[in-house]
Amino acid sequence: MAESISTARLVRYLLLLVVLMFGFGFALVPLYEVMCQAFGINGKTAGAYGGAQVVDEARSVRVQFLSTNAAGMVWRFEPMSDEMEVHPGASMEMLFIAHNPTDQPMSAQAVPSVAPARAAAYFHKTECFCFTQQVLQPGETIEMPVRFIVDRDLPKDVHHLTLAYTLFDITARTPPAELAGR
């Protein structure tokens, strides 16, 4: 009898543990957002630019562009230039080059980040290759534009922003029809 009571207690304990783990899984996304905001990591860009497009010619901000490949991504991926000077409020464009050196079609997704994180809310992408998946055929090279506006309300003590992209191979999750051609 004592053995069945301890078995029942163990089963209840394990079920409770499963429920707690399931709940923790749902809580991870908001916890991640809070941690990123608290520690200033993984700065996400702001949404659409809602202000009047008046350029602040008296002020200049340096925007640096970085590109990296996630583990397993073999594409060449780089910006046309490492940095540019911009006037807040001006609409700007930077081209990124992607090349698929393999003999197979591949699909990729770019994930952006802006640093410093407190300035990310002032960086508005109006067009970006990161909004869609990119499919490249074997040996294909493409130019991918990102158009952006640095908000005129960017804090005055911020003189340098970094827009970084990490490129992920998502070929395994792409339907074969999408890989076959565009």
N, C-alpha and C. Protein backbone atom coordinates (compact mmCIF):
# COMPACT_ATOMS: atom_id res chain seq x y z
N MET A 1 0.82 -1.19 0.00
CA MET A 1 0.00 0.00 0.00
C MET A 1 0.86 1.26 0.00
N ALA A 2 1.93 1.27 0.79
CA ALA A 2 2.82 2.43 0.86
C ALA A 2 3.45 2.71 -0.49
N GLU A 3 3.74 1.62 -1.23
CA GLU A 3 4.37 1.79 -2.54
C GLU A 3 3.41 2.46 -3.51
N SER A 4 2.12 2.14 -3.49
CA SER A 4 1.17 2.75 -4.41
C SER A 4 0.93 4.22 -4.07
N ILE A 5 1.00 4.57 -2.79
CA ILE A 5 0.85 5.98 -2.40
C ILE A 5 2.03 6.78 -2.92
N SER A 6 3.24 6.28 -2.78
CA SER A 6 4.40 7.02 -3.25
C SER A 6 4.42 7.06 -4.78
N THR A 7 3.91 6.04 -5.47
CA THR A 7 3.83 6.05 -6.93
C THR A 7 2.82 7.11 -7.38
N ALA A 8 1.68 7.18 -6.68
CA ALA A 8 0.68 8.19 -7.02
C ALA A 8 1.24 9.60 -6.79
N ARG A 9 1.98 9.78 -5.74
CA ARG A 9 2.58 11.07 -5.44
C ARG A 9 3.60 11.43 -6.53
N LEU A 10 4.39 10.46 -6.95
CA LEU A 10 5.38 10.68 -8.01
C LEU A 10 4.70 11.06 -9.31
N VAL A 11 3.61 10.39 -9.66
CA VAL A 11 2.88 10.70 -10.90
C VAL A 11 2.32 12.13 -10.83
N ARG A 12 1.74 12.52 -9.69
CA ARG A 12 1.24 13.90 -9.55
C ARG A 12 2.38 14.91 -9.67
N TYR A 13 3.49 14.62 -9.04
CA TYR A 13 4.66 15.50 -9.11
C TYR A 13 5.14 15.64 -10.56
N LEU A 14 5.20 14.56 -11.27
CA LEU A 14 5.67 14.59 -12.66
C LEU A 14 4.68 15.33 -13.56
N LEU A 15 3.38 15.12 -13.34
CA LEU A 15 2.38 15.85 -14.11
C LEU A 15 2.46 17.35 -13.85
N LEU A 16 2.64 17.72 -12.60
CA LEU A 16 2.80 19.13 -12.25
C LEU A 16 4.05 19.70 -12.93
N LEU A 17 5.11 18.95 -12.95
CA LEU A 17 6.35 19.38 -13.60
C LEU A 17 6.14 19.59 -15.10
N VAL A 18 5.40 18.70 -15.74
CA VAL A 18 5.11 18.84 -17.17
C VAL A 18 4.30 20.11 -17.42
N VAL A 19 3.29 20.37 -16.60
CA VAL A 19 2.46 21.57 -16.76
C VAL A 19 3.32 22.82 -16.56
N LEU A 20 4.18 22.83 -15.56
CA LEU A 20 5.06 23.98 -15.33
C LEU A 20 6.03 24.20 -16.49
N MET A 21 6.58 23.13 -17.02
CA MET A 21 7.50 23.25 -18.16
C MET A 21 6.76 23.78 -19.38
N PHE A 22 5.55 23.33 -19.61
CA PHE A 22 4.73 23.81 -20.73
C PHE A 22 4.47 25.31 -20.57
N GLY A 23 4.09 25.73 -19.38
CA GLY A 23 3.85 27.16 -19.11
C GLY A 23 5.11 27.99 -19.27
N PHE A 24 6.25 27.46 -18.84
CA PHE A 24 7.52 28.17 -18.99
C PHE A 24 7.86 28.36 -20.46
N GLY A 25 7.53 27.36 -21.29
CA GLY A 25 7.77 27.47 -22.74
C GLY A 25 7.01 28.65 -23.33
N PHE A 26 5.77 28.88 -22.90
CA PHE A 26 5.00 30.01 -23.38
C PHE A 26 5.54 31.33 -22.84
N ALA A 27 6.11 31.30 -21.66
CA ALA A 27 6.62 32.53 -21.04
C ALA A 27 7.99 32.93 -21.60
N LEU A 28 8.66 32.06 -22.33
CA LEU A 28 10.00 32.37 -22.82
C LEU A 28 10.04 33.57 -23.75
N VAL A 29 9.07 33.71 -24.65
CA VAL A 29 9.10 34.81 -25.61
C VAL A 29 9.03 36.16 -24.90
N PRO A 30 8.03 36.39 -24.03
CA PRO A 30 8.04 37.69 -23.35
C PRO A 30 9.25 37.88 -22.43
N LEU A 31 9.72 36.80 -21.81
CA LEU A 31 10.92 36.91 -20.98
C LEU A 31 12.13 37.30 -21.81
N TYR A 32 12.25 36.74 -23.00
CA TYR A 32 13.34 37.07 -23.90
C TYR A 32 13.29 38.55 -24.28
N GLU A 33 12.09 39.05 -24.60
CA GLU A 33 11.93 40.46 -24.95
C GLU A 33 12.37 41.36 -23.79
N VAL A 34 11.97 41.02 -22.58
CA VAL A 34 12.33 41.82 -21.41
C VAL A 34 13.84 41.78 -21.19
N MET A 35 14.45 40.61 -21.33
CA MET A 35 15.90 40.48 -21.13
C MET A 35 16.66 41.29 -22.18
N CYS A 36 16.22 41.21 -23.43
CA CYS A 36 16.89 41.97 -24.50
C CYS A 36 16.81 43.46 -24.24
N GLN A 37 15.64 43.91 -23.80
CA GLN A 37 15.47 45.33 -23.52
C GLN A 37 16.31 45.75 -22.32
N ALA A 38 16.34 44.92 -21.27
CA ALA A 38 17.08 45.25 -20.06
C ALA A 38 18.58 45.30 -20.29
N PHE A 39 19.10 44.38 -21.12
CA PHE A 39 20.54 44.30 -21.33
C PHE A 39 20.99 44.97 -22.62
N GLY A 40 20.05 45.53 -23.40
CA GLY A 40 20.41 46.25 -24.61
C GLY A 40 20.94 45.37 -25.72
N ILE A 41 20.40 44.16 -25.83
CA ILE A 41 20.85 43.25 -26.89
C ILE A 41 19.71 43.01 -27.87
N ASN A 42 20.07 42.56 -29.08
CA ASN A 42 19.10 42.22 -30.12
C ASN A 42 18.14 43.37 -30.40
N GLY A 43 18.71 44.57 -30.62
CA GLY A 43 17.89 45.74 -30.89
C GLY A 43 17.09 45.57 -32.16
N LYS A 44 15.79 45.60 -32.03
CA LYS A 44 14.90 45.49 -33.19
C LYS A 44 14.65 46.87 -33.76
N THR A 45 14.48 46.94 -35.06
CA THR A 45 14.23 48.22 -35.68
C THR A 45 12.79 48.64 -35.43
N ALA A 46 12.56 49.95 -35.59
CA ALA A 46 11.22 50.49 -35.40
C ALA A 46 10.35 50.12 -36.58
N GLY A 47 9.07 50.37 -36.44
CA GLY A 47 8.14 50.10 -37.53
C GLY A 47 8.21 51.18 -38.60
N ALA A 48 7.13 51.34 -39.32
CA ALA A 48 7.06 52.31 -40.40
C ALA A 48 7.29 53.71 -39.87
N TYR A 49 7.85 54.56 -40.71
CA TYR A 49 8.14 55.94 -40.33
C TYR A 49 6.87 56.75 -40.43
N GLY A 50 6.42 57.32 -39.32
CA GLY A 50 5.17 58.03 -39.30
C GLY A 50 5.31 59.54 -39.30
N GLY A 51 6.54 60.04 -39.13
CA GLY A 51 6.75 61.47 -39.06
C GLY A 51 6.84 62.12 -40.43
N ALA A 52 6.77 63.44 -40.42
CA ALA A 52 6.98 64.18 -41.67
C ALA A 52 8.44 64.02 -42.06
N GLN A 53 8.69 63.86 -43.34
CA GLN A 53 10.05 63.62 -43.78
C GLN A 53 10.78 64.95 -43.99
N VAL A 54 11.20 65.54 -42.87
CA VAL A 54 11.97 66.76 -42.89
C VAL A 54 13.39 66.38 -42.49
N VAL A 55 14.35 66.72 -43.34
CA VAL A 55 15.74 66.33 -43.13
C VAL A 55 16.43 67.34 -42.23
N ASP A 56 17.17 66.84 -41.24
CA ASP A 56 17.97 67.68 -40.35
C ASP A 56 19.37 67.78 -40.95
N GLU A 57 19.59 68.78 -41.81
CA GLU A 57 20.87 68.94 -42.51
C GLU A 57 22.00 69.33 -41.56
N ALA A 58 21.67 69.84 -40.38
CA ALA A 58 22.68 70.30 -39.44
C ALA A 58 23.30 69.15 -38.65
N ARG A 59 22.71 67.97 -38.75
CA ARG A 59 23.17 66.83 -37.94
C ARG A 59 23.54 65.67 -38.84
N SER A 60 24.57 64.94 -38.43
CA SER A 60 25.02 63.79 -39.20
C SER A 60 25.20 62.60 -38.26
N VAL A 61 24.77 61.42 -38.72
CA VAL A 61 24.89 60.19 -37.94
C VAL A 61 25.58 59.16 -38.82
N ARG A 62 26.53 58.45 -38.25
CA ARG A 62 27.22 57.39 -38.99
C ARG A 62 26.45 56.09 -38.80
N VAL A 63 26.08 55.45 -39.92
CA VAL A 63 25.40 54.15 -39.88
C VAL A 63 26.37 53.11 -40.42
N GLN A 64 26.67 52.12 -39.61
CA GLN A 64 27.58 51.04 -39.98
C GLN A 64 26.73 49.82 -40.34
N PHE A 65 27.20 49.06 -41.34
CA PHE A 65 26.47 47.88 -41.81
C PHE A 65 27.33 46.64 -41.60
N LEU A 66 26.74 45.63 -40.96
CA LEU A 66 27.43 44.37 -40.71
C LEU A 66 26.59 43.22 -41.26
N SER A 67 27.27 42.18 -41.70
CA SER A 67 26.56 40.98 -42.16
C SER A 67 27.32 39.76 -41.69
N THR A 68 26.56 38.78 -41.20
CA THR A 68 27.15 37.51 -40.79
C THR A 68 26.25 36.39 -41.25
N ASN A 69 26.85 35.24 -41.39
CA ASN A 69 26.10 34.03 -41.73
C ASN A 69 25.93 33.18 -40.48
N ALA A 70 24.74 32.66 -40.30
CA ALA A 70 24.50 31.72 -39.21
C ALA A 70 25.23 30.41 -39.54
N ALA A 71 25.40 29.58 -38.54
CA ALA A 71 26.06 28.29 -38.73
C ALA A 71 25.38 27.51 -39.85
N GLY A 72 26.17 27.01 -40.77
CA GLY A 72 25.65 26.20 -41.86
C GLY A 72 25.27 26.98 -43.10
N MET A 73 25.26 28.30 -43.04
CA MET A 73 24.93 29.13 -44.21
C MET A 73 26.20 29.38 -45.01
N VAL A 74 26.18 29.01 -46.28
CA VAL A 74 27.40 29.08 -47.10
C VAL A 74 27.40 30.25 -48.09
N TRP A 75 26.34 31.02 -48.14
CA TRP A 75 26.29 32.14 -49.08
C TRP A 75 27.34 33.19 -48.75
N ARG A 76 27.80 33.90 -49.78
CA ARG A 76 28.56 35.12 -49.56
C ARG A 76 27.50 36.19 -49.35
N PHE A 77 27.64 36.97 -48.31
CA PHE A 77 26.62 37.95 -47.93
C PHE A 77 27.32 39.16 -47.34
N GLU A 78 27.18 40.33 -48.01
CA GLU A 78 27.90 41.51 -47.54
C GLU A 78 27.25 42.79 -48.04
N PRO A 79 27.44 43.89 -47.30
CA PRO A 79 26.94 45.18 -47.77
C PRO A 79 27.87 45.75 -48.84
N MET A 80 27.34 46.63 -49.68
CA MET A 80 28.16 47.28 -50.71
C MET A 80 29.18 48.22 -50.08
N SER A 81 28.87 48.74 -48.89
CA SER A 81 29.76 49.63 -48.17
C SER A 81 29.65 49.31 -46.69
N ASP A 82 30.73 49.54 -45.96
CA ASP A 82 30.72 49.25 -44.53
C ASP A 82 29.94 50.28 -43.71
N GLU A 83 29.87 51.51 -44.22
CA GLU A 83 29.18 52.56 -43.46
C GLU A 83 28.83 53.73 -44.36
N MET A 84 27.96 54.60 -43.84
CA MET A 84 27.61 55.84 -44.54
C MET A 84 27.21 56.89 -43.51
N GLU A 85 27.38 58.15 -43.89
CA GLU A 85 26.92 59.27 -43.07
C GLU A 85 25.52 59.63 -43.56
N VAL A 86 24.59 59.80 -42.63
CA VAL A 86 23.23 60.16 -42.99
C VAL A 86 22.77 61.35 -42.17
N HIS A 87 21.86 62.12 -42.74
CA HIS A 87 21.21 63.20 -42.02
C HIS A 87 19.87 62.66 -41.54
N PRO A 88 19.58 62.78 -40.24
CA PRO A 88 18.29 62.30 -39.74
C PRO A 88 17.14 62.89 -40.55
N GLY A 89 16.18 62.02 -40.88
CA GLY A 89 15.02 62.41 -41.66
C GLY A 89 15.16 62.11 -43.14
N ALA A 90 16.40 61.87 -43.61
CA ALA A 90 16.62 61.59 -45.02
C ALA A 90 16.36 60.12 -45.32
N SER A 91 15.76 59.86 -46.46
CA SER A 91 15.54 58.49 -46.92
C SER A 91 16.83 58.00 -47.57
N MET A 92 17.35 56.87 -47.09
CA MET A 92 18.64 56.35 -47.56
C MET A 92 18.48 54.91 -48.05
N GLU A 93 19.48 54.45 -48.80
CA GLU A 93 19.46 53.07 -49.30
C GLU A 93 20.87 52.48 -49.22
N MET A 94 20.92 51.20 -48.84
CA MET A 94 22.16 50.43 -48.89
C MET A 94 21.84 49.12 -49.58
N LEU A 95 22.73 48.69 -50.45
CA LEU A 95 22.57 47.41 -51.12
C LEU A 95 23.43 46.36 -50.44
N PHE A 96 22.86 45.18 -50.29
CA PHE A 96 23.59 44.02 -49.80
C PHE A 96 23.67 43.03 -50.96
N ILE A 97 24.80 42.35 -51.06
CA ILE A 97 25.02 41.37 -52.12
C ILE A 97 24.94 39.98 -51.51
N ALA A 98 24.23 39.09 -52.17
CA ALA A 98 24.15 37.68 -51.75
C ALA A 98 24.51 36.82 -52.95
N HIS A 99 25.30 35.79 -52.70
CA HIS A 99 25.71 34.86 -53.75
C HIS A 99 25.60 33.43 -53.22
N ASN A 100 24.94 32.58 -54.00
CA ASN A 100 24.81 31.16 -53.66
C ASN A 100 25.90 30.40 -54.42
N PRO A 101 26.97 29.96 -53.75
CA PRO A 101 28.07 29.29 -54.44
C PRO A 101 27.84 27.78 -54.67
N THR A 102 26.70 27.28 -54.21
CA THR A 102 26.46 25.84 -54.29
C THR A 102 25.87 25.46 -55.64
N ASP A 103 25.69 24.17 -55.85
CA ASP A 103 25.06 23.67 -57.07
C ASP A 103 23.59 23.31 -56.82
N GLN A 104 23.02 23.83 -55.73
CA GLN A 104 21.62 23.57 -55.37
C GLN A 104 20.91 24.90 -55.10
N PRO A 105 19.61 24.98 -55.42
CA PRO A 105 18.86 26.18 -55.01
C PRO A 105 18.79 26.22 -53.48
N MET A 106 18.85 27.42 -52.95
CA MET A 106 18.79 27.60 -51.50
C MET A 106 17.87 28.77 -51.15
N SER A 107 17.33 28.72 -49.95
CA SER A 107 16.47 29.77 -49.44
C SER A 107 17.07 30.31 -48.15
N ALA A 108 16.96 31.63 -47.96
CA ALA A 108 17.53 32.26 -46.77
C ALA A 108 16.59 33.31 -46.21
N GLN A 109 16.79 33.60 -44.93
CA GLN A 109 16.05 34.68 -44.26
C GLN A 109 17.05 35.49 -43.46
N ALA A 110 17.01 36.79 -43.62
CA ALA A 110 17.89 37.69 -42.87
C ALA A 110 17.15 38.23 -41.66
N VAL A 111 17.85 38.27 -40.53
CA VAL A 111 17.28 38.79 -39.29
C VAL A 111 18.11 40.01 -38.88
N PRO A 112 17.44 41.19 -38.77
CA PRO A 112 18.17 42.42 -38.46
C PRO A 112 18.29 42.68 -36.97
N SER A 113 19.26 43.53 -36.65
CA SER A 113 19.44 44.01 -35.29
C SER A 113 20.08 45.39 -35.38
N VAL A 114 19.70 46.28 -34.47
CA VAL A 114 20.26 47.62 -34.44
C VAL A 114 20.90 47.86 -33.09
N ALA A 115 22.07 48.48 -33.11
CA ALA A 115 22.76 48.86 -31.89
C ALA A 115 23.15 50.33 -32.00
N PRO A 116 23.15 51.07 -30.92
CA PRO A 116 22.74 50.64 -29.58
C PRO A 116 21.23 50.40 -29.53
N ALA A 117 20.83 49.52 -28.66
CA ALA A 117 19.42 49.10 -28.58
C ALA A 117 18.49 50.28 -28.32
N ARG A 118 18.94 51.25 -27.56
CA ARG A 118 18.07 52.39 -27.25
C ARG A 118 17.80 53.25 -28.48
N ALA A 119 18.61 53.09 -29.52
CA ALA A 119 18.41 53.85 -30.75
C ALA A 119 17.58 53.09 -31.78
N ALA A 120 17.31 51.83 -31.54
CA ALA A 120 16.60 50.99 -32.51
C ALA A 120 15.21 51.54 -32.82
N ALA A 121 14.57 52.16 -31.86
CA ALA A 121 13.23 52.70 -32.08
C ALA A 121 13.23 53.89 -33.05
N TYR A 122 14.41 54.41 -33.35
CA TYR A 122 14.53 55.57 -34.24
C TYR A 122 15.05 55.18 -35.62
N PHE A 123 15.19 53.89 -35.86
CA PHE A 123 15.68 53.40 -37.16
C PHE A 123 14.49 52.75 -37.86
N HIS A 124 14.04 53.35 -38.95
CA HIS A 124 12.84 52.89 -39.66
C HIS A 124 13.22 52.33 -41.02
N LYS A 125 12.95 51.03 -41.24
CA LYS A 125 13.18 50.43 -42.55
C LYS A 125 11.89 50.58 -43.35
N THR A 126 12.00 51.21 -44.53
CA THR A 126 10.83 51.37 -45.38
C THR A 126 10.75 50.27 -46.43
N GLU A 127 11.87 49.65 -46.73
CA GLU A 127 11.92 48.48 -47.61
C GLU A 127 13.13 47.66 -47.17
N CYS A 128 12.95 46.34 -47.12
CA CYS A 128 14.07 45.50 -46.67
C CYS A 128 13.94 44.08 -47.19
N PHE A 129 15.05 43.53 -47.61
CA PHE A 129 15.09 42.14 -48.03
C PHE A 129 14.80 41.20 -46.87
N CYS A 130 14.90 41.71 -45.65
CA CYS A 130 14.62 40.88 -44.47
C CYS A 130 13.13 40.65 -44.28
N PHE A 131 12.28 41.39 -45.00
CA PHE A 131 10.84 41.21 -44.88
C PHE A 131 10.37 39.92 -45.57
N THR A 132 11.18 39.39 -46.49
CA THR A 132 10.80 38.20 -47.25
C THR A 132 11.95 37.20 -47.29
N GLN A 133 11.61 35.98 -47.62
CA GLN A 133 12.64 34.95 -47.81
C GLN A 133 13.29 35.15 -49.17
N GLN A 134 14.57 34.89 -49.24
CA GLN A 134 15.32 35.03 -50.49
C GLN A 134 15.66 33.64 -51.03
N VAL A 135 15.34 33.41 -52.29
CA VAL A 135 15.66 32.14 -52.94
C VAL A 135 16.69 32.43 -54.03
N LEU A 136 17.82 31.74 -53.98
CA LEU A 136 18.84 31.88 -55.01
C LEU A 136 19.09 30.53 -55.66
N GLN A 137 19.18 30.56 -56.97
CA GLN A 137 19.50 29.36 -57.74
C GLN A 137 21.01 29.13 -57.67
N PRO A 138 21.49 27.96 -58.08
CA PRO A 138 22.92 27.66 -58.03
C PRO A 138 23.74 28.73 -58.77
N GLY A 139 24.75 29.28 -58.09
CA GLY A 139 25.64 30.26 -58.69
C GLY A 139 25.05 31.65 -58.84
N GLU A 140 23.80 31.87 -58.42
CA GLU A 140 23.14 33.17 -58.61
C GLU A 140 23.63 34.20 -57.59
N THR A 141 23.73 35.44 -58.07
CA THR A 141 24.09 36.59 -57.23
C THR A 141 22.99 37.63 -57.38
N ILE A 142 22.57 38.23 -56.26
CA ILE A 142 21.56 39.29 -56.33
C ILE A 142 21.98 40.46 -55.45
N GLU A 143 21.41 41.63 -55.79
CA GLU A 143 21.54 42.81 -54.95
C GLU A 143 20.23 42.97 -54.21
N MET A 144 20.34 43.17 -52.90
CA MET A 144 19.15 43.28 -52.05
C MET A 144 19.18 44.63 -51.35
N PRO A 145 18.20 45.50 -51.64
CA PRO A 145 18.21 46.83 -51.02
C PRO A 145 17.55 46.85 -49.64
N VAL A 146 18.08 47.74 -48.81
CA VAL A 146 17.40 48.12 -47.59
C VAL A 146 17.29 49.64 -47.65
N ARG A 147 16.06 50.13 -47.55
CA ARG A 147 15.80 51.57 -47.53
C ARG A 147 15.37 51.93 -46.12
N PHE A 148 15.91 53.03 -45.62
CA PHE A 148 15.68 53.36 -44.22
C PHE A 148 15.71 54.86 -43.99
N ILE A 149 15.17 55.24 -42.83
CA ILE A 149 15.19 56.63 -42.37
C ILE A 149 15.60 56.59 -40.90
N VAL A 150 16.62 57.38 -40.56
CA VAL A 150 16.97 57.58 -39.15
C VAL A 150 16.11 58.74 -38.68
N ASP A 151 15.29 58.49 -37.69
CA ASP A 151 14.34 59.48 -37.18
C ASP A 151 15.06 60.73 -36.68
N ARG A 152 14.45 61.88 -36.96
CA ARG A 152 15.00 63.16 -36.49
C ARG A 152 14.99 63.24 -34.97
N ASP A 153 14.15 62.43 -34.30
CA ASP A 153 14.07 62.45 -32.84
C ASP A 153 15.11 61.55 -32.17
N LEU A 154 16.04 61.01 -32.96
CA LEU A 154 17.13 60.21 -32.38
C LEU A 154 17.82 61.04 -31.30
N PRO A 155 18.05 60.48 -30.11
CA PRO A 155 18.71 61.25 -29.06
C PRO A 155 20.00 61.91 -29.56
N LYS A 156 20.21 63.14 -29.15
CA LYS A 156 21.34 63.94 -29.64
C LYS A 156 22.69 63.34 -29.31
N ASP A 157 22.76 62.52 -28.28
CA ASP A 157 24.06 61.94 -27.91
C ASP A 157 24.38 60.66 -28.70
N VAL A 158 23.50 60.24 -29.60
CA VAL A 158 23.77 59.07 -30.44
C VAL A 158 24.31 59.57 -31.77
N HIS A 159 25.55 59.21 -32.05
CA HIS A 159 26.22 59.65 -33.28
C HIS A 159 26.55 58.49 -34.20
N HIS A 160 26.29 57.28 -33.74
CA HIS A 160 26.68 56.09 -34.49
C HIS A 160 25.64 54.99 -34.28
N LEU A 161 25.16 54.41 -35.37
CA LEU A 161 24.24 53.27 -35.32
C LEU A 161 24.85 52.12 -36.09
N THR A 162 24.53 50.91 -35.69
CA THR A 162 24.96 49.74 -36.44
C THR A 162 23.74 48.92 -36.81
N LEU A 163 23.59 48.65 -38.12
CA LEU A 163 22.55 47.77 -38.61
C LEU A 163 23.23 46.46 -38.98
N ALA A 164 22.90 45.41 -38.26
CA ALA A 164 23.54 44.11 -38.49
C ALA A 164 22.49 43.10 -38.94
N TYR A 165 22.88 42.27 -39.87
CA TYR A 165 22.02 41.19 -40.35
C TYR A 165 22.71 39.86 -40.14
N THR A 166 21.95 38.87 -39.71
CA THR A 166 22.41 37.49 -39.69
C THR A 166 21.57 36.74 -40.70
N LEU A 167 22.24 36.01 -41.60
CA LEU A 167 21.55 35.29 -42.67
C LEU A 167 21.45 33.81 -42.29
N PHE A 168 20.22 33.29 -42.32
CA PHE A 168 19.95 31.91 -41.93
C PHE A 168 19.55 31.09 -43.15
N ASP A 169 20.04 29.86 -43.22
CA ASP A 169 19.65 28.91 -44.26
C ASP A 169 18.32 28.29 -43.85
N ILE A 170 17.27 28.54 -44.65
CA ILE A 170 15.94 27.98 -44.35
C ILE A 170 15.48 27.06 -45.48
N THR A 171 16.43 26.54 -46.25
CA THR A 171 16.12 25.69 -47.39
C THR A 171 15.26 24.50 -46.99
N ALA A 172 15.56 23.87 -45.87
CA ALA A 172 14.83 22.68 -45.44
C ALA A 172 13.35 22.99 -45.16
N ARG A 173 13.03 24.25 -44.85
CA ARG A 173 11.64 24.63 -44.55
C ARG A 173 10.92 25.25 -45.75
N THR A 174 11.60 25.34 -46.88
CA THR A 174 11.01 25.97 -48.06
C THR A 174 10.40 24.91 -48.98
N PRO A 175 9.14 25.11 -49.39
CA PRO A 175 8.52 24.15 -50.31
C PRO A 175 9.33 24.00 -51.61
N PRO A 176 9.47 22.79 -52.14
CA PRO A 176 10.26 22.57 -53.35
C PRO A 176 9.82 23.44 -54.53
N ALA A 177 8.53 23.76 -54.64
CA ALA A 177 8.07 24.60 -55.75
C ALA A 177 8.67 26.00 -55.69
N GLU A 178 8.86 26.53 -54.47
CA GLU A 178 9.46 27.85 -54.32
C GLU A 178 10.93 27.82 -54.66
N LEU A 179 11.60 26.71 -54.39
CA LEU A 179 13.02 26.59 -54.71
C LEU A 179 13.25 26.42 -56.21
N ALA A 180 12.26 25.85 -56.90
CA ALA A 180 12.42 25.55 -58.33
C ALA A 180 12.52 26.80 -59.19
N GLY A 181 11.88 27.85 -58.81
CA GLY A 181 11.94 29.07 -59.61
C GLY A 181 11.08 30.15 -59.04
N ARG A 182 11.39 31.36 -59.47
CA ARG A 182 10.64 32.51 -58.95
C ARG A 182 9.76 33.06 -60.02
